[in-house]
């Protein structure tokens, strides 16, 4: 590993270790956007290996975002989880169907989510006492499919494919 890579990794580690919970969430969202964009680039270049890697990393981050939501039984939290499930679905469908539009829909929603968390970070620059406030779900971009309104039951396919979040 080069010295520059080591310095970059040390900087990132420092950023993560000193970040507030809301800033960490923002960093995850930004990472998901970055890997979703790399998925689009790989699809456009017809590079299946890079597409698979980038979409897998994006989905891993989105899974982490889903798993970090407290009280998933609450209505607001279920709606937010449904948005992340929608993002997960669109990235997966984009990769499998080689559909740049599907991934771009996920990116549009992630960018709205990023804007929301940027505002939360501005309003709450220091560590919050208690739970991180969960923002209201963003509006669906024009021309895209709406996010699901409920989380599919465990073991049931999330989409028309045989994909499940339990896998």
Protein backbone atom coordinates (compact mmCIF):
# COMPACT_ATOMS: atom_id res chain seq x y z
CA UNK A 1 0.00 0.00 0.00
CA UNK A 2 1.39 3.39 -0.95
CA UNK A 3 2.10 6.13 1.56
CA UNK A 4 -0.64 8.26 0.00
CA UNK A 5 -3.16 5.42 0.41
CA UNK A 6 -2.11 4.92 4.02
CA UNK A 7 -2.54 8.65 4.71
CA UNK A 8 -5.96 8.64 3.04
CA UNK A 9 -7.05 5.61 5.08
CA UNK A 10 -5.80 7.22 8.29
CA UNK A 11 -7.72 10.40 7.44
CA UNK A 12 -10.92 8.44 6.77
CA UNK A 13 -10.49 6.46 9.98
CA UNK A 14 -10.07 9.72 11.90
CA UNK A 15 -13.20 11.16 10.25
CA UNK A 16 -15.27 8.10 11.13
CA UNK A 17 -13.99 7.87 14.71
CA UNK A 18 -14.77 11.52 15.43
CA UNK A 19 -18.06 11.79 13.52
CA UNK A 20 -21.44 12.27 15.15
CA UNK A 21 -24.07 9.57 14.48
CA UNK A 22 -25.85 11.87 12.04
CA UNK A 23 -22.59 12.56 10.18
CA UNK A 24 -21.86 8.82 10.01
CA UNK A 25 -25.27 8.26 8.42
CA UNK A 26 -24.55 11.03 5.91
CA UNK A 27 -21.19 9.41 5.10
CA UNK A 28 -22.93 6.08 4.46
CA UNK A 29 -25.45 7.72 2.15
CA UNK A 30 -22.64 9.45 0.26
CA UNK A 31 -20.85 6.10 -0.08
CA UNK A 32 -24.02 4.48 -1.44
CA UNK A 33 -24.32 7.28 -4.01
CA UNK A 34 -20.68 6.85 -5.03
CA UNK A 35 -21.07 3.09 -5.56
CA UNK A 36 -24.41 3.53 -7.35
CA UNK A 37 -22.72 5.95 -9.75
CA UNK A 38 -19.90 3.44 -10.27
CA UNK A 39 -22.60 0.86 -11.05
CA UNK A 40 -24.03 3.16 -13.74
CA UNK A 41 -20.55 3.72 -15.18
CA UNK A 42 -19.87 -0.02 -15.29
CA UNK A 43 -23.25 -0.67 -16.93
CA UNK A 44 -22.52 1.95 -19.57
CA UNK A 45 -19.10 0.40 -20.20
CA UNK A 46 -20.65 -3.11 -20.19
CA UNK A 47 -18.18 -4.17 -17.50
CA UNK A 48 -20.06 -6.90 -15.63
CA UNK A 49 -17.37 -7.51 -13.00
CA UNK A 50 -17.15 -3.85 -11.97
CA UNK A 51 -20.94 -3.54 -12.10
CA UNK A 52 -21.35 -6.52 -9.78
CA UNK A 53 -18.73 -5.19 -7.34
CA UNK A 54 -20.09 -1.62 -7.26
CA UNK A 55 -23.73 -2.64 -6.95
CA UNK A 56 -22.86 -5.15 -4.23
CA UNK A 57 -21.05 -2.47 -2.23
CA UNK A 58 -23.95 -0.04 -2.71
CA UNK A 59 -26.44 -2.67 -1.51
CA UNK A 60 -24.23 -3.47 1.50
CA UNK A 61 -24.30 0.17 2.54
CA UNK A 62 -28.06 0.38 2.04
CA UNK A 63 -28.44 -2.78 4.13
CA UNK A 64 -26.40 -1.12 6.88
CA UNK A 65 -28.69 1.94 6.69
CA UNK A 66 -31.73 -0.33 7.06
CA UNK A 67 -30.19 -2.22 9.96
CA UNK A 68 -29.32 0.95 11.85
CA UNK A 69 -32.91 2.16 12.15
CA UNK A 70 -34.20 1.95 15.69
CA UNK A 71 -37.75 0.80 16.46
CA UNK A 72 -38.53 -0.62 13.00
CA UNK A 73 -42.10 -1.31 14.16
CA UNK A 74 -42.92 2.42 14.23
CA UNK A 75 -44.82 3.71 11.20
CA UNK A 76 -42.30 6.43 10.30
CA UNK A 77 -39.40 4.04 10.61
CA UNK A 78 -41.20 1.48 8.44
CA UNK A 79 -41.70 4.11 5.74
CA UNK A 80 -38.01 5.02 5.87
CA UNK A 81 -37.02 1.35 5.70
CA UNK A 82 -39.35 0.99 2.70
CA UNK A 83 -37.45 3.78 0.95
CA UNK A 84 -34.15 1.98 1.53
CA UNK A 85 -35.71 -1.29 0.33
CA UNK A 86 -36.81 0.56 -2.82
CA UNK A 87 -33.23 1.78 -3.35
CA UNK A 88 -31.89 -1.74 -2.77
CA UNK A 89 -34.41 -3.15 -5.27
CA UNK A 90 -33.65 -0.60 -7.99
CA UNK A 91 -29.88 -1.11 -7.73
CA UNK A 92 -30.37 -4.89 -7.87
CA UNK A 93 -32.81 -4.67 -10.77
CA UNK A 94 -30.49 -2.28 -12.58
CA UNK A 95 -27.58 -4.66 -12.27
CA UNK A 96 -29.53 -7.76 -13.27
CA UNK A 97 -31.43 -6.15 -16.15
CA UNK A 98 -28.50 -3.92 -17.15
CA UNK A 99 -30.90 -0.98 -16.68
CA UNK A 100 -29.11 2.31 -16.05
CA UNK A 101 -32.49 4.01 -15.48
CA UNK A 102 -33.26 1.79 -12.49
CA UNK A 103 -29.96 2.65 -10.83
CA UNK A 104 -30.46 6.34 -11.63
CA UNK A 105 -33.83 6.19 -9.82
CA UNK A 106 -32.02 4.86 -6.75
CA UNK A 107 -29.44 7.63 -7.06
CA UNK A 108 -32.19 10.28 -7.22
CA UNK A 109 -33.71 9.01 -3.99
CA UNK A 110 -30.30 8.74 -2.32
CA UNK A 111 -29.51 12.33 -3.32
CA UNK A 112 -32.73 13.51 -1.66
CA UNK A 113 -31.80 11.52 1.42
CA UNK A 114 -28.33 13.11 1.37
CA UNK A 115 -29.87 16.60 1.28
CA UNK A 116 -32.03 15.72 4.29
CA UNK A 117 -29.07 14.47 6.32
CA UNK A 118 -26.93 17.44 5.30
CA UNK A 119 -29.61 19.67 6.83
CA UNK A 120 -29.72 17.53 9.98
CA UNK A 121 -25.93 17.79 10.28
CA UNK A 122 -26.12 21.59 9.90
CA UNK A 123 -28.86 21.89 12.54
CA UNK A 124 -27.22 19.40 14.91
CA UNK A 125 -23.43 19.66 14.42
CA UNK A 126 -22.68 18.02 17.77
CA UNK A 127 -23.64 14.61 19.05
CA UNK A 128 -27.34 14.37 19.77
CA UNK A 129 -28.63 13.17 23.10
CA UNK A 130 -30.65 10.00 22.56
CA UNK A 131 -31.67 8.71 19.17
CA UNK A 132 -30.89 10.29 15.82
CA UNK A 133 -34.04 11.97 14.54
CA UNK A 134 -35.49 10.15 11.56
CA UNK A 135 -36.39 12.54 8.75
CA UNK A 136 -39.65 12.39 6.87
CA UNK A 137 -39.38 10.34 3.68
CA UNK A 138 -38.44 12.32 0.56
CA UNK A 139 -40.95 12.78 -2.22
CA UNK A 140 -40.61 10.41 -5.16
CA UNK A 141 -38.84 12.03 -8.14
CA UNK A 142 -41.09 12.68 -11.12
CA UNK A 143 -41.27 9.82 -13.57
CA UNK A 144 -39.98 7.18 -11.19
CA UNK A 145 -41.70 4.33 -9.46
CA UNK A 146 -42.91 5.12 -5.96
CA UNK A 147 -41.15 3.39 -3.09
CA UNK A 148 -43.02 0.50 -1.53
CA UNK A 149 -45.38 1.44 1.28
CA UNK A 150 -44.65 -1.58 3.43
CA UNK A 151 -41.80 -3.95 4.08
CA UNK A 152 -42.36 -7.36 2.51
CA UNK A 153 -42.76 -10.14 5.09
CA UNK A 154 -39.62 -12.06 5.99
CA UNK A 155 -38.84 -14.76 3.46
CA UNK A 156 -41.03 -13.25 0.75
CA UNK A 157 -39.49 -11.91 -2.47
CA UNK A 158 -38.91 -8.17 -2.45
CA UNK A 159 -39.54 -7.90 -6.19
CA UNK A 160 -40.85 -10.14 -8.93
CA UNK A 161 -37.51 -11.95 -8.84
CA UNK A 162 -36.65 -14.56 -6.26
CA UNK A 163 -34.59 -12.03 -4.31
CA UNK A 164 -35.14 -11.73 -0.58
CA UNK A 165 -33.55 -9.56 2.11
CA UNK A 166 -33.09 -12.72 4.17
CA UNK A 167 -30.44 -14.11 1.82
